[in-house]
Amino acid sequence: MGKGPVRRAGGVAPRNRGECDLAEVRLQEGESLENALRRFKRKVQQEDIVKEVKRHSFYLKPGEKMRVKQALARKRNRKKSRRDSE
């Protein structure tokens, strides 16, 4: 008799055995659908679900991943130096 996934204090299930933790919003008493949808969108954004899906949508070889990371660092440094010079 399993009790199901164990929940931690933050309400996030442990990520093992292929379990996925989906954002869930329950419609409250007398709440409009628009408000519930707004809460759902905010929750998805806070949990970075879209970012995670995009990251797993294609495979990057380790070398390619390193090059992308270095390119982002160069971009950040250029932006920072531009901001400092102004």
Protein backbone atom coordinates (compact mmCIF):
# COMPACT_ATOMS: atom_id res chain seq x y z
CA MET A 1 0.00 0.00 0.00
CA GLY A 2 2.02 2.98 -1.25
CA LYS A 3 1.16 6.44 -0.08
CA GLY A 4 2.16 8.14 -3.33
CA PRO A 5 4.88 10.75 -3.81
CA VAL A 6 6.29 12.34 -0.69
CA ARG A 7 5.82 16.09 -0.63
CA ARG A 8 8.41 18.47 0.76
CA ALA A 9 7.69 21.74 2.56
CA GLY A 10 7.63 23.73 -0.70
CA GLY A 11 5.04 21.42 -2.22
CA VAL A 12 7.48 20.04 -4.78
CA ALA A 13 7.65 16.29 -5.36
CA PRO A 14 11.09 14.65 -5.53
CA ARG A 15 12.29 14.21 -9.09
CA ASN A 16 12.95 10.51 -9.46
CA ARG A 17 11.50 7.52 -11.25
CA GLY A 18 10.31 9.68 -14.15
CA GLU A 19 7.81 11.58 -12.03
CA CYS A 20 7.04 15.08 -13.19
CA ASP A 21 5.87 17.92 -11.01
CA LEU A 22 3.24 19.87 -12.89
CA ALA A 23 1.87 23.23 -11.88
CA GLU A 24 -1.62 22.85 -10.51
CA VAL A 25 -4.18 25.49 -9.62
CA ARG A 26 -7.54 24.61 -8.15
CA LEU A 27 -10.51 26.84 -8.86
CA GLN A 28 -11.50 28.52 -5.60
CA GLU A 29 -15.08 29.12 -4.48
CA GLY A 30 -16.57 31.96 -6.52
CA GLU A 31 -13.32 32.62 -8.42
CA SER A 32 -13.51 33.53 -12.07
CA LEU A 33 -11.73 31.43 -14.65
CA GLU A 34 -9.65 34.45 -15.70
CA ASN A 35 -8.25 34.86 -12.18
CA ALA A 36 -7.43 31.16 -11.92
CA LEU A 37 -5.70 31.29 -15.32
CA ARG A 38 -3.71 34.32 -14.18
CA ARG A 39 -2.62 32.44 -11.04
CA PHE A 40 -1.68 29.41 -13.15
CA LYS A 41 0.45 31.48 -15.53
CA ARG A 42 2.22 33.13 -12.58
CA LYS A 43 2.92 29.74 -11.01
CA VAL A 44 4.31 28.33 -14.28
CA GLN A 45 6.57 31.37 -14.62
CA GLN A 46 7.80 31.12 -11.02
CA GLU A 47 8.63 27.43 -11.37
CA ASP A 48 10.53 28.00 -14.65
CA ILE A 49 8.59 25.21 -16.35
CA VAL A 50 8.81 26.79 -19.82
CA LYS A 51 12.58 27.30 -19.47
CA GLU A 52 13.00 23.66 -18.41
CA VAL A 53 10.96 22.39 -21.37
CA LYS A 54 12.97 24.48 -23.81
CA ARG A 55 16.21 23.21 -22.27
CA HIS A 56 15.16 19.58 -22.75
CA SER A 57 13.63 20.03 -26.20
CA PHE A 58 16.93 19.25 -27.96
CA TYR A 59 20.29 17.73 -27.07
CA LEU A 60 23.47 19.79 -26.96
CA LYS A 61 26.81 18.05 -27.01
CA PRO A 62 29.03 19.02 -24.07
CA GLY A 63 31.32 21.07 -26.34
CA GLU A 64 28.38 22.92 -27.88
CA LYS A 65 26.94 23.57 -24.41
CA MET A 66 30.29 25.04 -23.34
CA ARG A 67 30.43 27.31 -26.42
CA VAL A 68 26.88 28.57 -25.79
CA LYS A 69 27.75 29.25 -22.15
CA GLN A 70 30.90 31.17 -23.14
CA ALA A 71 28.98 33.17 -25.76
CA LEU A 72 26.42 34.19 -23.13
CA ALA A 73 29.24 35.20 -20.77
CA ARG A 74 30.82 37.36 -23.51
CA LYS A 75 27.44 38.97 -24.20
CA ARG A 76 26.92 39.69 -20.48
CA ASN A 77 30.42 41.21 -20.18
CA ARG A 78 29.89 43.43 -23.24
CA LYS A 79 26.59 44.63 -21.82
CA LYS A 80 28.17 45.30 -18.43
CA SER A 81 31.11 47.22 -19.91
CA ARG A 82 28.68 49.27 -22.05
CA ARG A 83 26.67 50.12 -18.94
CA ASP A 84 29.82 51.06 -16.98
CA SER A 85 31.11 53.37 -19.74
CA GLU A 86 27.89 55.38 -19.86
